[in-house]
């Protein structure tokens, strides 16, 4: 699934490691999400959107759209 995690991370001036720590996941998970090799669970997707204070659909782009 396409996403804007890297964009939002850059806006907030966070490293992959810092974001991973905030979300309770590994840096490898953040790398995989950013490279669109891994779709996060719904719970993790909501954690990411809540962390950046945006709607989930602002970060994750559903393939049908």
PDB file of N, CA and C in Angstrom:
ATOM      1  N   UNK A   1       0.841  -1.173   0.000  1.00  0.00           N
ATOM      2  CA  UNK A   1       0.000   0.000   0.000  1.00  0.00           C
ATOM      3  C   UNK A   1       0.891   1.243   0.000  1.00  0.00           C
ATOM      4  N   UNK A   2       0.549   2.183  -0.841  1.00  0.00           N
ATOM      5  CA  UNK A   2       1.315   3.425  -0.888  1.00  0.00           C
ATOM      6  C   UNK A   2       1.078   4.209   0.400  1.00  0.00           C
ATOM      7  N   UNK A   3       2.122   4.932   0.818  1.00  0.00           N
ATOM      8  CA  UNK A   3       1.993   5.711   2.049  1.00  0.00           C
ATOM      9  C   UNK A   3       2.923   6.912   2.021  1.00  0.00           C
ATOM     10  N   UNK A   4       2.690   7.800   2.975  1.00  0.00           N
ATOM     11  CA  UNK A   4       3.479   9.023   3.099  1.00  0.00           C
ATOM     12  C   UNK A   4       4.213   9.074   4.435  1.00  0.00           C
ATOM     13  N   UNK A   5       4.556   7.923   4.978  1.00  0.00           N
ATOM     14  CA  UNK A   5       5.230   7.880   6.275  1.00  0.00           C
ATOM     15  C   UNK A   5       6.548   8.640   6.208  1.00  0.00           C
ATOM     16  N   UNK A   6       7.315   8.420   5.160  1.00  0.00           N
ATOM     17  CA  UNK A   6       8.613   9.091   5.026  1.00  0.00           C
ATOM     18  C   UNK A   6       8.433  10.607   4.970  1.00  0.00           C
ATOM     19  N   UNK A   7       7.411  11.063   4.266  1.00  0.00           N
ATOM     20  CA  UNK A   7       7.134  12.505   4.150  1.00  0.00           C
ATOM     21  C   UNK A   7       6.817  13.091   5.525  1.00  0.00           C
ATOM     22  N   UNK A   8       5.909  12.451   6.253  1.00  0.00           N
ATOM     23  CA  UNK A   8       5.538  12.960   7.577  1.00  0.00           C
ATOM     24  C   UNK A   8       6.704  12.868   8.551  1.00  0.00           C
ATOM     25  N   UNK A   9       7.508  11.843   8.420  1.00  0.00           N
ATOM     26  CA  UNK A   9       8.685  11.708   9.285  1.00  0.00           C
ATOM     27  C   UNK A   9       9.656  12.859   9.023  1.00  0.00           C
ATOM     28  N   UNK A  10       9.834  13.210   7.752  1.00  0.00           N
ATOM     29  CA  UNK A  10      10.729  14.314   7.385  1.00  0.00           C
ATOM     30  C   UNK A  10      10.181  15.653   7.880  1.00  0.00           C
ATOM     31  N   UNK A  11       8.877  15.850   7.742  1.00  0.00           N
ATOM     32  CA  UNK A  11       8.244  17.089   8.218  1.00  0.00           C
ATOM     33  C   UNK A  11       8.506  17.287   9.717  1.00  0.00           C
ATOM     34  N   UNK A  12       8.468  16.181  10.461  1.00  0.00           N
ATOM     35  CA  UNK A  12       8.670  16.247  11.908  1.00  0.00           C
ATOM     36  C   UNK A  12      10.142  16.076  12.302  1.00  0.00           C
ATOM     37  N   UNK A  13      11.013  16.024  11.296  1.00  0.00           N
ATOM     38  CA  UNK A  13      12.462  15.922  11.524  1.00  0.00           C
ATOM     39  C   UNK A  13      12.826  14.755  12.444  1.00  0.00           C
ATOM     40  N   UNK A  14      12.294  13.588  12.107  1.00  0.00           N
ATOM     41  CA  UNK A  14      12.555  12.375  12.882  1.00  0.00           C
ATOM     42  C   UNK A  14      13.363  11.384  12.063  1.00  0.00           C
ATOM     43  N   UNK A  15      14.247  10.668  12.723  1.00  0.00           N
ATOM     44  CA  UNK A  15      14.929   9.563  12.052  1.00  0.00           C
ATOM     45  C   UNK A  15      14.011   8.347  12.084  1.00  0.00           C
ATOM     46  N   UNK A  16      14.355   7.350  11.291  1.00  0.00           N
ATOM     47  CA  UNK A  16      13.583   6.109  11.318  1.00  0.00           C
ATOM     48  C   UNK A  16      13.640   5.493  12.708  1.00  0.00           C
ATOM     49  N   UNK A  17      14.803   5.560  13.325  1.00  0.00           N
ATOM     50  CA  UNK A  17      14.992   4.994  14.662  1.00  0.00           C
ATOM     51  C   UNK A  17      14.108   5.711  15.693  1.00  0.00           C
ATOM     52  N   UNK A  18      14.047   7.038  15.624  1.00  0.00           N
ATOM     53  CA  UNK A  18      13.229   7.801  16.565  1.00  0.00           C
ATOM     54  C   UNK A  18      11.748   7.477  16.408  1.00  0.00           C
ATOM     55  N   UNK A  19      11.290   7.412  15.164  1.00  0.00           N
ATOM     56  CA  UNK A  19       9.885   7.067  14.933  1.00  0.00           C
ATOM     57  C   UNK A  19       9.590   5.653  15.421  1.00  0.00           C
ATOM     58  N   UNK A  20      10.487   4.731  15.122  1.00  0.00           N
ATOM     59  CA  UNK A  20      10.302   3.341  15.562  1.00  0.00           C
ATOM     60  C   UNK A  20      10.164   3.268  17.077  1.00  0.00           C
ATOM     61  N   UNK A  21      11.021   3.996  17.780  1.00  0.00           N
ATOM     62  CA  UNK A  21      10.977   3.991  19.248  1.00  0.00           C
ATOM     63  C   UNK A  21       9.651   4.556  19.751  1.00  0.00           C
ATOM     64  N   UNK A  22       9.181   5.637  19.151  1.00  0.00           N
ATOM     65  CA  UNK A  22       7.906   6.253  19.542  1.00  0.00           C
ATOM     66  C   UNK A  22       6.731   5.298  19.347  1.00  0.00           C
ATOM     67  N   UNK A  23       6.811   4.478  18.296  1.00  0.00           N
ATOM     68  CA  UNK A  23       5.702   3.575  17.958  1.00  0.00           C
ATOM     69  C   UNK A  23       5.846   2.190  18.565  1.00  0.00           C
ATOM     70  N   UNK A  24       7.003   1.907  19.153  1.00  0.00           N
ATOM     71  CA  UNK A  24       7.220   0.599  19.766  1.00  0.00           C
ATOM     72  C   UNK A  24       7.475  -0.510  18.754  1.00  0.00           C
ATOM     73  N   UNK A  25       8.120  -0.139  17.632  1.00  0.00           N
ATOM     74  CA  UNK A  25       8.472  -1.128  16.609  1.00  0.00           C
ATOM     75  C   UNK A  25       9.967  -0.996  16.298  1.00  0.00           C
ATOM     76  N   UNK A  26      10.463  -1.846  15.420  1.00  0.00           N
ATOM     77  CA  UNK A  26      11.877  -1.770  15.061  1.00  0.00           C
ATOM     78  C   UNK A  26      12.085  -0.805  13.892  1.00  0.00           C
ATOM     79  N   UNK A  27      13.324  -0.372  13.741  1.00  0.00           N
ATOM     80  CA  UNK A  27      13.672   0.484  12.605  1.00  0.00           C
ATOM     81  C   UNK A  27      13.407  -0.252  11.298  1.00  0.00           C
ATOM     82  N   UNK A  28      13.637  -1.557  11.288  1.00  0.00           N
ATOM     83  CA  UNK A  28      13.406  -2.361  10.089  1.00  0.00           C
ATOM     84  C   UNK A  28      11.939  -2.315   9.668  1.00  0.00           C
ATOM     85  N   UNK A  29      11.037  -2.254  10.639  1.00  0.00           N
ATOM     86  CA  UNK A  29       9.609  -2.149  10.331  1.00  0.00           C
ATOM     87  C   UNK A  29       9.316  -0.830   9.628  1.00  0.00           C
ATOM     88  N   UNK A  30       9.891   0.254  10.127  1.00  0.00           N
ATOM     89  CA  UNK A  30       9.691   1.570   9.512  1.00  0.00           C
ATOM     90  C   UNK A  30      10.266   1.582   8.099  1.00  0.00           C
ATOM     91  N   UNK A  31      11.443   1.013   7.926  1.00  0.00           N
ATOM     92  CA  UNK A  31      12.068   0.933   6.589  1.00  0.00           C
ATOM     93  C   UNK A  31      11.148   0.185   5.634  1.00  0.00           C
ATOM     94  N   UNK A  32      10.634  -0.959   6.067  1.00  0.00           N
ATOM     95  CA  UNK A  32       9.774  -1.785   5.214  1.00  0.00           C
ATOM     96  C   UNK A  32       8.478  -1.062   4.848  1.00  0.00           C
ATOM     97  N   UNK A  33       7.900  -0.339   5.806  1.00  0.00           N
ATOM     98  CA  UNK A  33       6.679   0.425   5.531  1.00  0.00           C
ATOM     99  C   UNK A  33       6.978   1.525   4.518  1.00  0.00           C
ATOM    100  N   UNK A  34       8.058   2.273   4.746  1.00  0.00           N
ATOM    101  CA  UNK A  34       8.410   3.376   3.848  1.00  0.00           C
ATOM    102  C   UNK A  34       8.704   2.895   2.427  1.00  0.00           C
ATOM    103  N   UNK A  35       9.298   1.717   2.302  1.00  0.00           N
ATOM    104  CA  UNK A  35       9.608   1.158   0.973  1.00  0.00           C
ATOM    105  C   UNK A  35       8.411   0.417   0.370  1.00  0.00           C
ATOM    106  N   UNK A  36       7.301   0.430   1.103  1.00  0.00           N
ATOM    107  CA  UNK A  36       6.060  -0.222   0.673  1.00  0.00           C
ATOM    108  C   UNK A  36       6.238  -1.730   0.459  1.00  0.00           C
ATOM    109  N   UNK A  37       7.127  -2.318   1.254  1.00  0.00           N
ATOM    110  CA  UNK A  37       7.348  -3.760   1.228  1.00  0.00           C
ATOM    111  C   UNK A  37       6.502  -4.453   2.296  1.00  0.00           C
ATOM    112  N   UNK A  38       5.948  -3.643   3.202  1.00  0.00           N
ATOM    113  CA  UNK A  38       5.182  -4.183   4.327  1.00  0.00           C
ATOM    114  C   UNK A  38       4.022  -3.244   4.623  1.00  0.00           C
ATOM    115  N   UNK A  39       2.829  -3.802   4.711  1.00  0.00           N
ATOM    116  CA  UNK A  39       1.660  -3.034   5.114  1.00  0.00           C
ATOM    117  C   UNK A  39       1.479  -3.220   6.616  1.00  0.00           C
ATOM    118  N   UNK A  40       1.450  -2.121   7.357  1.00  0.00           N
ATOM    119  CA  UNK A  40       1.309  -2.253   8.808  1.00  0.00           C
ATOM    120  C   UNK A  40      -0.067  -2.786   9.187  1.00  0.00           C
ATOM    121  N   UNK A  41      -0.126  -3.355  10.372  1.00  0.00           N
ATOM    122  CA  UNK A  41      -1.428  -3.781  10.894  1.00  0.00           C
ATOM    123  C   UNK A  41      -2.299  -2.540  11.049  1.00  0.00           C
ATOM    124  N   UNK A  42      -3.589  -2.757  11.164  1.00  0.00           N
ATOM    125  CA  UNK A  42      -4.508  -1.634  11.346  1.00  0.00           C
ATOM    126  C   UNK A  42      -4.169  -0.874  12.631  1.00  0.00           C
ATOM    127  N   UNK A  43      -3.819  -1.588  13.656  1.00  0.00           N
ATOM    128  CA  UNK A  43      -3.464  -0.951  14.933  1.00  0.00           C
ATOM    129  C   UNK A  43      -2.238  -0.064  14.758  1.00  0.00           C
ATOM    130  N   UNK A  44      -1.212  -0.571  14.071  1.00  0.00           N
ATOM    131  CA  UNK A  44      -0.006   0.225  13.849  1.00  0.00           C
ATOM    132  C   UNK A  44      -0.293   1.412  12.937  1.00  0.00           C
ATOM    133  N   UNK A  45      -1.115   1.218  11.924  1.00  0.00           N
ATOM    134  CA  UNK A  45      -1.474   2.325  11.030  1.00  0.00           C
ATOM    135  C   UNK A  45      -2.173   3.434  11.821  1.00  0.00           C
ATOM    136  N   UNK A  46      -3.066   3.068  12.734  1.00  0.00           N
ATOM    137  CA  UNK A  46      -3.735   4.074  13.563  1.00  0.00           C
ATOM    138  C   UNK A  46      -2.750   4.749  14.518  1.00  0.00           C
ATOM    139  N   UNK A  47      -1.793   3.982  15.051  1.00  0.00           N
ATOM    140  CA  UNK A  47      -0.765   4.567  15.922  1.00  0.00           C
ATOM    141  C   UNK A  47       0.037   5.623  15.168  1.00  0.00           C
ATOM    142  N   UNK A  48       0.389   5.305  13.923  1.00  0.00           N
ATOM    143  CA  UNK A  48       1.166   6.232  13.097  1.00  0.00           C
ATOM    144  C   UNK A  48       0.361   7.505  12.842  1.00  0.00           C
ATOM    145  N   UNK A  49      -0.894   7.346  12.451  1.00  0.00           N
ATOM    146  CA  UNK A  49      -1.716   8.527  12.162  1.00  0.00           C
ATOM    147  C   UNK A  49      -1.948   9.355  13.430  1.00  0.00           C
ATOM    148  N   UNK A  50      -2.154   8.697  14.555  1.00  0.00           N
ATOM    149  CA  UNK A  50      -2.348   9.412  15.813  1.00  0.00           C
ATOM    150  C   UNK A  50      -1.069  10.151  16.211  1.00  0.00           C
ATOM    151  N   UNK A  51       0.068   9.522  16.023  1.00  0.00           N
ATOM    152  CA  UNK A  51       1.344  10.148  16.365  1.00  0.00           C
ATOM    153  C   UNK A  51       1.546  11.435  15.570  1.00  0.00           C
ATOM    154  N   UNK A  52       1.230  11.395  14.269  1.00  0.00           N
ATOM    155  CA  UNK A  52       1.409  12.568  13.422  1.00  0.00           C
ATOM    156  C   UNK A  52       0.208  13.513  13.459  1.00  0.00           C
ATOM    157  N   UNK A  53      -0.832  13.130  14.199  1.00  0.00           N
ATOM    158  CA  UNK A  53      -2.044  13.946  14.365  1.00  0.00           C
ATOM    159  C   UNK A  53      -2.728  14.258  13.025  1.00  0.00           C
ATOM    160  N   UNK A  54      -2.843  13.219  12.200  1.00  0.00           N
ATOM    161  CA  UNK A  54      -3.543  13.337  10.917  1.00  0.00           C
ATOM    162  C   UNK A  54      -4.474  12.133  10.753  1.00  0.00           C
ATOM    163  N   UNK A  55      -5.384  12.237   9.801  1.00  0.00           N
ATOM    164  CA  UNK A  55      -6.280  11.114   9.529  1.00  0.00           C
ATOM    165  C   UNK A  55      -5.481   9.986   8.870  1.00  0.00           C
ATOM    166  N   UNK A  56      -5.898   8.778   9.117  1.00  0.00           N
ATOM    167  CA  UNK A  56      -5.201   7.610   8.577  1.00  0.00           C
ATOM    168  C   UNK A  56      -5.122   7.665   7.051  1.00  0.00           C
ATOM    169  N   UNK A  57      -6.181   8.186   6.410  1.00  0.00           N
ATOM    170  CA  UNK A  57      -6.173   8.245   4.946  1.00  0.00           C
ATOM    171  C   UNK A  57      -5.256   9.343   4.401  1.00  0.00           C
ATOM    172  N   UNK A  58      -4.755  10.229   5.283  1.00  0.00           N
ATOM    173  CA  UNK A  58      -3.761  11.217   4.857  1.00  0.00           C
ATOM    174  C   UNK A  58      -2.378  10.588   4.711  1.00  0.00           C
ATOM    175  N   UNK A  59      -2.161   9.482   5.392  1.00  0.00           N
ATOM    176  CA  UNK A  59      -0.858   8.803   5.338  1.00  0.00           C
ATOM    177  C   UNK A  59      -0.886   7.572   4.432  1.00  0.00           C
ATOM    178  N   UNK A  60      -1.946   6.805   4.511  1.00  0.00           N
ATOM    179  CA  UNK A  60      -2.034   5.565   3.750  1.00  0.00           C
ATOM    180  C   UNK A  60      -3.027   5.719   2.600  1.00  0.00           C
ATOM    181  N   UNK A  61      -2.570   5.387   1.400  1.00  0.00           N
ATOM    182  CA  UNK A  61      -3.389   5.548   0.196  1.00  0.00           C
ATOM    183  C   UNK A  61      -3.900   4.187  -0.238  1.00  0.00           C
ATOM    184  N   UNK A  62      -5.194   4.012  -0.178  1.00  0.00           N
ATOM    185  CA  UNK A  62      -5.819   2.747  -0.577  1.00  0.00           C
ATOM    186  C   UNK A  62      -5.614   2.547  -2.087  1.00  0.00           C
ATOM    187  N   UNK A  63      -5.179   1.354  -2.507  1.00  0.00           N
ATOM    188  CA  UNK A  63      -4.869   1.122  -3.923  1.00  0.00           C
ATOM    189  C   UNK A  63      -6.032   1.414  -4.885  1.00  0.00           C
ATOM    190  N   UNK A  64      -7.269   1.320  -4.413  1.00  0.00           N
ATOM    191  CA  UNK A  64      -8.419   1.571  -5.270  1.00  0.00           C
ATOM    192  C   UNK A  64      -8.663   3.044  -5.565  1.00  0.00           C
ATOM    193  N   UNK A  65      -8.033   3.927  -4.783  1.00  0.00           N
ATOM    194  CA  UNK A  65      -8.260   5.373  -4.965  1.00  0.00           C
ATOM    195  C   UNK A  65      -7.344   5.957  -6.026  1.00  0.00           C
TER     196      UNK A  65
END
